C-alpha cells in the first residue's frame, strides 16, 4: 500500500497494520512523514476478502517501546484500491480517548494513501510446473589442502564403503534438485588442480575432460565423473571461486533475455578451504545477483569457513570491492560437519532452503511469469 502521508504535529511516526502484528516503517524527525512502499500478503491482511475491515494504527514512536497512539482508522482493500496519485484515499486518524475528552476534537491527522494494487505472485512450484527449467551445475574443490586422495586423512579419500564428504554432499543435494531438472543432465567441473596433458592449473575444468560437452547424466553421472577424474589430476591450488561463478553467470546472462521465467541456474560449490580470490569472488557474486542464478556452497572438513559465511550475506548486504551492493542474496553456505550424523535429507533441506524464495523473488522483480502458467495458478495475492 505505497506510499502514505501522515500530517500530524509529532516528530517520529510508526505506521502499524494490526493484522500484520508489526510496524511497517518508522519515519523520524519529520512533521510531514512519507512512508516507503511496502507489500503485505493479501491473505494476512484481509484473508483475501476485499470487503473485510482493516484497522490501521499510527503511533508516535519512542525508543523505549512505549509508543503513543496518534490515531486509528478502518478501511477495506476495495476502498484502498480506489486510491491514485491524482485522487488519493484519505482517512482521518481518530484517537478515541482524545475524542472523549476534547469537545471540539476532529482528528489527530490525515493518512493519505496514494496508490494500492493487488498483484499475483507465483510460488516456486508454479514456476516449476509452469515450465521453468532449473540448470544445476556442480563444482568440486581439487586443491592440495584436501590431502592426497590415497591417504585416509584426505577429504578426497574414498573409504572402503565407497564414500567421502564430497560424495555425500553430491548425493544429498543432487538427489533432491535433479527432480526439478527435466533432462537431468548436469555440467560438472573441478577447480584448483593441475590437469593433463599440460598439467596447468585450472579453475573450471570439466570432470569428464570434455570441454565441449561437460554434462553428466544425473547425480549418478556426476559421481562417476568425479571418481574417474580424481586419480587423473594433481591436487594443487589456490582456491579460486570466481572463474566457475563467472562461467555459470555467462549462461545465466544469456537467459536474462528471456521474456518468461523459463531458465534458472543453481551452482553447487563443494570446498574444503579458505578462499584465495575473495575480492574477485565478491565482484562475481554481486554481478550474478542481477541474474537468474543462485549459489550453494558446502564446506567439507574442519577448516575456518568464516569467509564463506561472509559471502552468504545473511548478516548484511554483500558488496563488491568497489562498494556496489548485491541486488539480492543469492548465496547459501552450509558446513557439512553440522550434518555428518544427520540423515542425508537434513543436509539437502538446509542447503536448498533459500532456493525457492530466491527464484521467486528474482522472477517477481523482473515481472516474468511461468512459460505455461496454469489457468488458475496457485498464486498469492499481495497488496
Protein backbone atom coordinates (compact mmCIF):
# COMPACT_ATOMS: atom_id res chain seq x y z
CA UNK A 1 0.00 0.00 0.00
CA UNK A 2 2.62 2.58 -1.05
CA UNK A 3 3.25 5.33 -0.11
CA UNK A 4 1.28 7.08 2.66
CA UNK A 5 1.43 10.55 4.21
CA UNK A 6 0.50 11.44 7.76
CA UNK A 7 0.15 15.13 8.67
CA UNK A 8 0.29 15.38 12.44
CA UNK A 9 2.33 17.57 14.77
CA UNK A 10 4.76 14.97 16.00
CA UNK A 11 8.29 14.02 15.05
CA UNK A 12 8.55 10.22 15.00
CA UNK A 13 5.88 8.17 13.24
CA UNK A 14 5.19 4.47 13.06
CA UNK A 15 2.52 3.00 10.82
CA UNK A 16 1.07 -0.31 12.03
CA UNK A 17 -1.38 -2.63 10.34
CA UNK A 18 -2.70 -4.61 13.30
CA UNK A 19 -3.38 -7.82 11.40
CA UNK A 20 0.30 -7.95 10.41
CA UNK A 21 1.42 -7.69 14.05
CA UNK A 22 4.31 -5.39 13.34
CA UNK A 23 5.33 -1.91 12.32
CA UNK A 24 5.76 -1.10 8.66
CA UNK A 25 8.32 1.67 8.98
CA UNK A 26 9.42 4.39 11.41
CA UNK A 27 9.95 7.89 9.99
CA UNK A 28 11.91 10.11 12.37
CA UNK A 29 12.30 13.87 12.70
CA UNK A 30 9.67 14.73 10.13
CA UNK A 31 6.47 16.68 10.70
CA UNK A 32 5.04 15.53 7.37
CA UNK A 33 6.22 11.91 7.01
CA UNK A 34 6.02 9.82 3.86
CA UNK A 35 6.33 6.07 4.27
CA UNK A 36 8.10 3.97 1.66
CA UNK A 37 6.19 1.45 -0.48
CA UNK A 38 5.61 -1.88 1.24
CA UNK A 39 3.95 -5.22 0.47
CA UNK A 40 1.69 -7.38 2.61
CA UNK A 41 0.31 -10.81 1.65
CA UNK A 42 -3.36 -10.37 0.92
CA UNK A 43 -4.17 -13.48 2.94
CA UNK A 44 -2.55 -11.96 6.04
CA UNK A 45 -4.09 -8.56 5.51
CA UNK A 46 -7.73 -9.48 4.99
CA UNK A 47 -7.94 -13.20 4.34
CA UNK A 48 -8.39 -12.46 0.64
CA UNK A 49 -11.70 -10.70 1.34
CA UNK A 50 -11.60 -7.26 -0.30
CA UNK A 51 -14.60 -6.15 1.77
CA UNK A 52 -13.16 -7.18 5.15
CA UNK A 53 -12.42 -4.37 7.60
CA UNK A 54 -8.74 -3.47 8.04
CA UNK A 55 -7.55 -1.44 11.03
CA UNK A 56 -4.51 0.85 10.69
CA UNK A 57 -2.83 2.44 13.72
CA UNK A 58 -0.45 5.41 13.61
CA UNK A 59 1.93 5.83 16.56
CA UNK A 60 4.38 8.37 17.88
CA UNK A 61 7.49 6.21 18.14
CA UNK A 62 9.55 6.02 21.35
CA UNK A 63 12.91 4.26 21.58
CA UNK A 64 11.94 2.55 24.84
CA UNK A 65 8.97 0.88 23.16
CA UNK A 66 6.28 2.90 24.91
CA UNK A 67 4.83 4.23 21.66
CA UNK A 68 1.96 6.71 21.94
CA UNK A 69 -1.09 6.12 19.78
CA UNK A 70 -1.75 9.10 17.49
CA UNK A 71 -4.90 7.68 15.98
CA UNK A 72 -6.52 4.86 14.04
CA UNK A 73 -8.80 4.33 11.09
CA UNK A 74 -10.57 1.41 9.46
CA UNK A 75 -10.90 0.72 5.77
CA UNK A 76 -11.15 -2.13 3.25
CA UNK A 77 -8.97 -3.29 0.37
CA UNK A 78 -11.72 -2.26 -2.01
CA UNK A 79 -11.55 1.31 -0.71
CA UNK A 80 -7.73 1.35 -0.75
CA UNK A 81 -7.67 0.20 -4.37
CA UNK A 82 -9.56 3.34 -5.35
CA UNK A 83 -6.52 5.44 -4.41
CA UNK A 84 -4.46 7.11 -7.13
CA UNK A 85 -1.78 9.80 -7.39
CA UNK A 86 -4.36 12.34 -8.58
CA UNK A 87 -7.06 11.20 -6.18
CA UNK A 88 -5.57 9.68 -3.00
CA UNK A 89 -7.71 7.84 -0.48
CA UNK A 90 -7.69 9.92 2.70
CA UNK A 91 -8.54 8.74 6.20
CA UNK A 92 -8.91 10.62 9.46
CA UNK A 93 -6.76 9.25 12.27
CA UNK A 94 -9.03 9.18 15.30
CA UNK A 95 -7.82 8.84 18.88
CA UNK A 96 -10.89 7.64 20.78
CA UNK A 97 -9.58 8.77 24.18
CA UNK A 98 -8.92 12.30 22.95
CA UNK A 99 -12.28 12.35 21.21
CA UNK A 100 -13.98 11.56 24.51
CA UNK A 101 -12.02 14.18 26.47
CA UNK A 102 -11.94 17.07 23.99
CA UNK A 103 -15.23 18.60 22.94
CA UNK A 104 -14.01 20.17 19.69
CA UNK A 105 -11.80 17.24 18.68
CA UNK A 106 -11.88 16.39 14.96
CA UNK A 107 -8.91 14.13 14.33
CA UNK A 108 -5.22 13.64 15.05
CA UNK A 109 -4.17 13.90 11.42
CA UNK A 110 -4.89 12.57 7.97
CA UNK A 111 -3.38 9.47 6.38
CA UNK A 112 -3.32 9.76 2.60
CA UNK A 113 -2.91 6.56 0.56
CA UNK A 114 -1.67 7.46 -2.89
CA UNK A 115 -1.58 4.06 -4.55
CA UNK A 116 -2.64 0.49 -3.80
CA UNK A 117 -2.93 -2.56 -6.01
CA UNK A 118 -3.28 -6.32 -5.69
CA UNK A 119 -0.83 -8.33 -7.77
CA UNK A 120 -0.43 -12.08 -8.24
CA UNK A 121 2.81 -13.62 -7.06
CA UNK A 122 3.63 -17.09 -8.32
CA UNK A 123 5.06 -19.70 -5.99
CA UNK A 124 8.18 -21.78 -6.62
CA UNK A 125 6.06 -24.74 -7.69
CA UNK A 126 4.03 -22.51 -10.01
CA UNK A 127 7.24 -21.66 -11.86
CA UNK A 128 8.49 -25.26 -11.97
CA UNK A 129 5.14 -26.74 -13.03
CA UNK A 130 4.74 -23.89 -15.50
CA UNK A 131 7.87 -24.87 -17.41
CA UNK A 132 10.77 -23.13 -15.64
CA UNK A 133 13.93 -25.19 -16.10
CA UNK A 134 16.47 -25.34 -13.26
CA UNK A 135 20.01 -25.79 -14.56
CA UNK A 136 22.16 -27.46 -11.88
CA UNK A 137 25.97 -27.16 -12.07
CA UNK A 138 28.43 -28.86 -9.71
CA UNK A 139 31.93 -27.50 -8.92
CA UNK A 140 34.37 -29.55 -6.81
CA UNK A 141 37.47 -28.35 -4.97
CA UNK A 142 40.62 -30.22 -6.01
CA UNK A 143 43.14 -28.06 -4.15
CA UNK A 144 46.10 -29.57 -2.30
CA UNK A 145 44.73 -28.67 1.13
CA UNK A 146 42.32 -31.62 0.77
CA UNK A 147 45.23 -34.02 1.18
CA UNK A 148 46.42 -36.75 -1.17
CA UNK A 149 43.41 -38.83 -2.30
CA UNK A 150 45.18 -42.09 -1.40
CA UNK A 151 45.66 -41.02 2.20
CA UNK A 152 42.85 -41.95 4.63
CA UNK A 153 43.27 -38.44 6.10
CA UNK A 154 42.31 -36.83 2.78
CA UNK A 155 38.85 -35.39 2.25
CA UNK A 156 39.01 -36.95 -1.22
CA UNK A 157 39.85 -40.39 0.16
CA UNK A 158 37.13 -42.84 -0.84
CA UNK A 159 36.50 -45.22 2.04
CA UNK A 160 36.01 -48.98 1.62
CA UNK A 161 32.30 -48.19 1.86
CA UNK A 162 32.71 -46.03 -1.26
CA UNK A 163 32.04 -42.64 0.33
CA UNK A 164 33.68 -39.39 1.39
CA UNK A 165 32.32 -35.96 2.30
CA UNK A 166 32.35 -34.76 -1.31
CA UNK A 167 30.35 -37.75 -2.49
CA UNK A 168 27.92 -37.44 0.42
CA UNK A 169 27.29 -33.78 -0.42
CA UNK A 170 26.77 -34.54 -4.12
CA UNK A 171 24.32 -37.36 -3.37
CA UNK A 172 22.36 -35.44 -0.74
CA UNK A 173 21.82 -32.26 -2.72
CA UNK A 174 21.79 -33.72 -6.22
CA UNK A 175 19.14 -36.32 -5.45
CA UNK A 176 16.73 -33.55 -4.46
CA UNK A 177 17.47 -30.95 -7.09
CA UNK A 178 17.55 -33.40 -10.03
CA UNK A 179 13.79 -33.81 -9.66
CA UNK A 180 13.39 -30.18 -10.76
CA UNK A 181 15.60 -30.59 -13.85
CA UNK A 182 13.69 -32.14 -16.73
CA UNK A 183 16.64 -33.54 -18.72
CA UNK A 184 18.74 -34.36 -15.60
CA UNK A 185 21.94 -33.52 -17.47
CA UNK A 186 24.34 -31.66 -15.15
CA UNK A 187 27.58 -29.92 -16.12
CA UNK A 188 30.23 -30.83 -13.52
CA UNK A 189 33.56 -29.06 -13.04
CA UNK A 190 36.63 -29.12 -10.85
CA UNK A 191 38.92 -26.30 -9.77
CA UNK A 192 42.35 -25.90 -8.19
CA UNK A 193 44.06 -28.89 -9.84
CA UNK A 194 46.78 -29.48 -12.41
CA UNK A 195 45.16 -31.33 -15.29
CA UNK A 196 46.62 -33.45 -18.10
CA UNK A 197 48.19 -33.29 -20.56
CA UNK A 198 49.82 -29.86 -19.93
CA UNK A 199 49.46 -30.03 -16.13
CA UNK A 200 48.48 -26.39 -15.96
CA UNK A 201 46.33 -25.33 -13.02
CA UNK A 202 42.67 -24.92 -13.97
CA UNK A 203 39.77 -23.47 -12.01
CA UNK A 204 36.97 -24.62 -14.31
CA UNK A 205 37.82 -27.95 -15.92
CA UNK A 206 35.10 -30.49 -16.81
CA UNK A 207 35.21 -33.59 -14.65
CA UNK A 208 34.85 -35.68 -17.82
CA UNK A 209 37.61 -33.62 -19.52
CA UNK A 210 35.23 -32.89 -22.41
CA UNK A 211 35.03 -29.09 -22.62
CA UNK A 212 32.51 -29.21 -25.46
CA UNK A 213 30.17 -31.50 -23.51
CA UNK A 214 30.74 -31.28 -19.74
CA UNK A 215 27.30 -32.74 -18.96
CA UNK A 216 26.81 -35.79 -16.74
CA UNK A 217 23.69 -37.95 -16.76
CA UNK A 218 22.05 -37.33 -13.40
CA UNK A 219 23.66 -37.49 -9.99
CA UNK A 220 25.00 -40.96 -10.79
CA UNK A 221 26.83 -39.49 -13.79
CA UNK A 222 28.36 -36.71 -11.65
CA UNK A 223 29.56 -39.27 -9.10
CA UNK A 224 31.06 -41.49 -11.81
CA UNK A 225 32.83 -38.50 -13.42
CA UNK A 226 34.24 -37.45 -10.03
CA UNK A 227 35.52 -40.95 -9.27
CA UNK A 228 37.11 -41.22 -12.73
CA UNK A 229 38.64 -37.74 -12.59
CA UNK A 230 40.20 -38.00 -9.12
CA UNK A 231 43.18 -40.26 -9.98
CA UNK A 232 43.89 -38.34 -13.20
CA UNK A 233 44.57 -34.90 -11.73
CA UNK A 234 47.15 -33.46 -9.33
CA UNK A 235 45.67 -31.55 -6.42
CA UNK A 236 47.19 -28.09 -6.33
CA UNK A 237 45.78 -24.59 -5.70
CA UNK A 238 44.91 -21.85 -5.00
CA UNK A 239 41.19 -21.92 -4.04
CA UNK A 240 39.57 -19.58 -6.55
CA UNK A 241 35.79 -19.36 -6.85
CA UNK A 242 35.33 -16.50 -9.29
CA UNK A 243 36.16 -18.44 -12.52
CA UNK A 244 33.41 -21.04 -12.03
CA UNK A 245 30.91 -18.42 -10.79
CA UNK A 246 31.59 -16.29 -13.87
CA UNK A 247 31.36 -19.40 -16.07
CA UNK A 248 27.82 -20.17 -14.92
CA UNK A 249 26.93 -16.47 -14.89
CA UNK A 250 27.67 -16.30 -18.63
CA UNK A 251 24.82 -18.75 -19.29
CA UNK A 252 22.55 -17.00 -16.80
CA UNK A 253 23.27 -13.71 -18.58
CA UNK A 254 22.08 -15.20 -21.86
CA UNK A 255 18.91 -16.37 -20.12
CA UNK A 256 18.19 -12.85 -18.84
CA UNK A 257 16.98 -12.08 -22.36
CA UNK A 258 14.04 -14.44 -21.75
CA UNK A 259 10.55 -12.99 -21.89
CA UNK A 260 9.23 -15.61 -19.45
CA UNK A 261 10.60 -17.36 -16.36
CA UNK A 262 12.00 -20.24 -18.38
CA UNK A 263 15.56 -20.69 -17.05
CA UNK A 264 17.19 -20.51 -13.62
CA UNK A 265 20.74 -21.58 -12.71
CA UNK A 266 21.96 -23.15 -9.47
CA UNK A 267 25.70 -23.56 -8.86
CA UNK A 268 26.78 -26.02 -6.14
CA UNK A 269 30.36 -25.45 -4.94
CA UNK A 270 31.86 -28.07 -2.60
CA UNK A 271 35.07 -26.87 -0.99
CA UNK A 272 37.41 -27.56 1.91
CA UNK A 273 39.34 -24.38 2.44
CA UNK A 274 39.82 -20.68 2.79
CA UNK A 275 39.07 -18.80 -0.42
CA UNK A 276 42.04 -17.05 -2.06
CA UNK A 277 40.31 -14.74 -4.56
CA UNK A 278 37.85 -13.08 -2.19
CA UNK A 279 37.76 -9.71 -3.99
CA UNK A 280 37.12 -11.28 -7.39
CA UNK A 281 34.54 -13.63 -5.90
CA UNK A 282 32.69 -10.75 -4.23
CA UNK A 283 32.56 -8.96 -7.57
CA UNK A 284 31.36 -12.12 -9.33
CA UNK A 285 28.58 -12.70 -6.79
CA UNK A 286 27.38 -9.09 -6.93
CA UNK A 287 27.21 -9.32 -10.72
CA UNK A 288 25.42 -12.69 -10.54
CA UNK A 289 22.85 -11.26 -8.10
CA UNK A 290 21.28 -9.49 -11.08
CA UNK A 291 20.90 -12.75 -12.99
CA UNK A 292 18.59 -15.80 -12.69
CA UNK A 293 21.15 -17.60 -10.55
CA UNK A 294 21.78 -18.94 -7.04
CA UNK A 295 24.97 -20.26 -5.45
CA UNK A 296 25.18 -23.04 -2.85
CA UNK A 297 28.48 -23.53 -1.00
CA UNK A 298 29.04 -26.67 1.08
CA UNK A 299 32.13 -26.60 3.26
CA UNK A 300 33.72 -30.01 3.96
CA UNK A 301 36.35 -30.74 6.58
CA UNK A 302 37.27 -28.72 9.66
CA UNK A 303 38.64 -25.53 8.07
CA UNK A 304 37.78 -21.97 9.09
CA UNK A 305 34.77 -21.08 6.94
CA UNK A 306 34.25 -17.50 8.16
CA UNK A 307 34.87 -16.22 4.61
CA UNK A 308 32.09 -18.45 3.30
CA UNK A 309 29.72 -17.16 5.97
CA UNK A 310 30.63 -13.62 4.89
CA UNK A 311 29.73 -14.45 1.29
CA UNK A 312 26.41 -15.87 2.47
CA UNK A 313 25.32 -12.30 3.21
CA UNK A 314 22.78 -13.24 5.90
CA UNK A 315 24.39 -10.76 8.31
CA UNK A 316 24.33 -7.87 5.89
CA UNK A 317 24.31 -6.96 2.23
CA UNK A 318 27.31 -8.30 0.30
CA UNK A 319 29.21 -5.62 -1.60
CA UNK A 320 31.78 -5.74 -4.38
CA UNK A 321 35.28 -4.36 -3.93
CA UNK A 322 34.10 -1.01 -5.34
CA UNK A 323 31.21 -0.88 -2.86
CA UNK A 324 28.43 -1.95 -5.24
CA UNK A 325 25.71 -3.78 -3.32
CA UNK A 326 24.27 -7.12 -4.38
CA UNK A 327 20.75 -6.77 -5.76
CA UNK A 328 19.67 -9.77 -3.69
CA UNK A 329 21.12 -12.52 -1.50
CA UNK A 330 21.95 -15.47 -3.77
CA UNK A 331 24.48 -17.41 -1.66
CA UNK A 332 23.68 -20.16 0.83
CA UNK A 333 26.61 -21.60 2.83
CA UNK A 334 26.31 -24.78 4.87
CA UNK A 335 29.18 -26.52 6.75
CA UNK A 336 28.95 -30.27 6.12
CA UNK A 337 30.25 -31.11 9.60
CA UNK A 338 26.96 -29.98 11.12
CA UNK A 339 25.19 -32.79 9.25
CA UNK A 340 27.68 -35.65 9.46
CA UNK A 341 25.47 -37.65 11.83
CA UNK A 342 22.18 -36.49 10.34
CA UNK A 343 20.16 -38.23 7.61
CA UNK A 344 21.02 -37.12 4.03
CA UNK A 345 17.73 -35.29 3.62
CA UNK A 346 18.65 -32.95 6.51
CA UNK A 347 21.62 -31.56 4.58
CA UNK A 348 19.57 -31.21 1.40
CA UNK A 349 16.81 -29.39 3.27
CA UNK A 350 19.23 -26.88 4.79
CA UNK A 351 21.19 -26.36 1.57
CA UNK A 352 18.14 -25.85 -0.63
CA UNK A 353 16.09 -23.86 1.89
CA UNK A 354 16.63 -20.49 0.21
CA UNK A 355 16.41 -21.52 -3.46
CA UNK A 356 12.59 -21.33 -3.84
CA UNK A 357 12.44 -17.80 -2.41
CA UNK A 358 15.47 -16.64 -4.41
CA UNK A 359 13.98 -17.95 -7.65
CA UNK A 360 10.55 -16.49 -6.91
CA UNK A 361 11.92 -13.11 -5.84
CA UNK A 362 14.02 -12.80 -9.00
CA UNK A 363 11.21 -13.57 -11.42
CA UNK A 364 8.77 -11.43 -9.45
CA UNK A 365 11.18 -8.48 -9.54
CA UNK A 366 11.72 -8.96 -13.27
CA UNK A 367 7.94 -9.33 -13.76
CA UNK A 368 8.40 -12.66 -15.55
CA UNK A 369 5.61 -15.25 -15.46
CA UNK A 370 5.98 -19.03 -15.90
CA UNK A 371 6.20 -20.05 -19.59
CA UNK A 372 2.99 -22.06 -19.30
CA UNK A 373 1.02 -20.75 -16.33
CA UNK A 374 -1.99 -22.82 -15.37
CA UNK A 375 -5.40 -21.22 -15.92
CA UNK A 376 -5.82 -20.83 -12.17
CA UNK A 377 -2.25 -20.58 -10.79
CA UNK A 378 -1.58 -21.15 -7.12
CA UNK A 379 -0.61 -17.50 -6.79
CA UNK A 380 -0.55 -15.44 -3.62
CA UNK A 381 -2.09 -12.02 -3.95
CA UNK A 382 -0.01 -9.22 -2.45
CA UNK A 383 -1.18 -5.73 -1.60
